[in-house]
Amino acid sequence: MDVIDQLTESLRCLPGVGPKTAQRLVYYFLKNHRKQALTLAKNLTEAMQSVQQCQECNNFSVQAICKICQETSRNRKLLCIIEQPTDLIAIEQSQTFKGYYFVLTGKISPLDGISGQDIGLDKLQSYLEKYPVEELIIALSPSIETQATIHSISQLIKNPQFKITQLAQGIPMGSELQFLDPLTIANAIRHRNPLDN
């Protein structure tokens, strides 16, 4: 396997990149964009060597403690449980949540042999013992694994005054009912909101 084939094969590890797309990318860089390819390689190498998981929340960070965990203006009583760092970015862009985050490293899946310990629930328990959290907001994509994960998280909570909430699920803006799955419609009906008169 020559160097072009190796590079093509390496690019296939990216999500959504198959053999043809990988090959197009390789030839795109080789043809006219060598400087950009070298910059990309340098930046990728630097990121892989310097980015780590935050010791507090598992978010990606170049420091031991990420910027959000260092912010003292946030509400320490609110903790949002998310599945991946990109979820944190999406919630931050909404500019509605001013608490802290905890990034799980997956969801519980007994069929796949993934337990609470595998997704960092022991670290979450330590976090809850360390900080005066009063409400957990579960912000995980709906699935059977999410329900198992929520159940395991609720087992960690010793204080009966502790509040656990989940993001509302419903109909996305701009969608049509006829194209939605029955579970989404059922959740939207169950969690409907009153209109202000």
Foldseek 3Di string as FASTA:
>chain_A
DDPLVVQLVVVCVDPPDDSVNSNVVSCVCVPPNVVVVVVVVVVVVVCVVQWFAALQAGAIDSDNHHPLNVDPPADAQEEEEEAYNVVVVVVVVVVPHRHYYHHWPHFDDVVVPQDCVNRCLVSVLVNVVVTNHQEYEYEYDDDPRSVVRVVVNVVSDPDPSRYYHYDQAEDDPPDDPVPDDPVRHVSCVVPPDDDDD
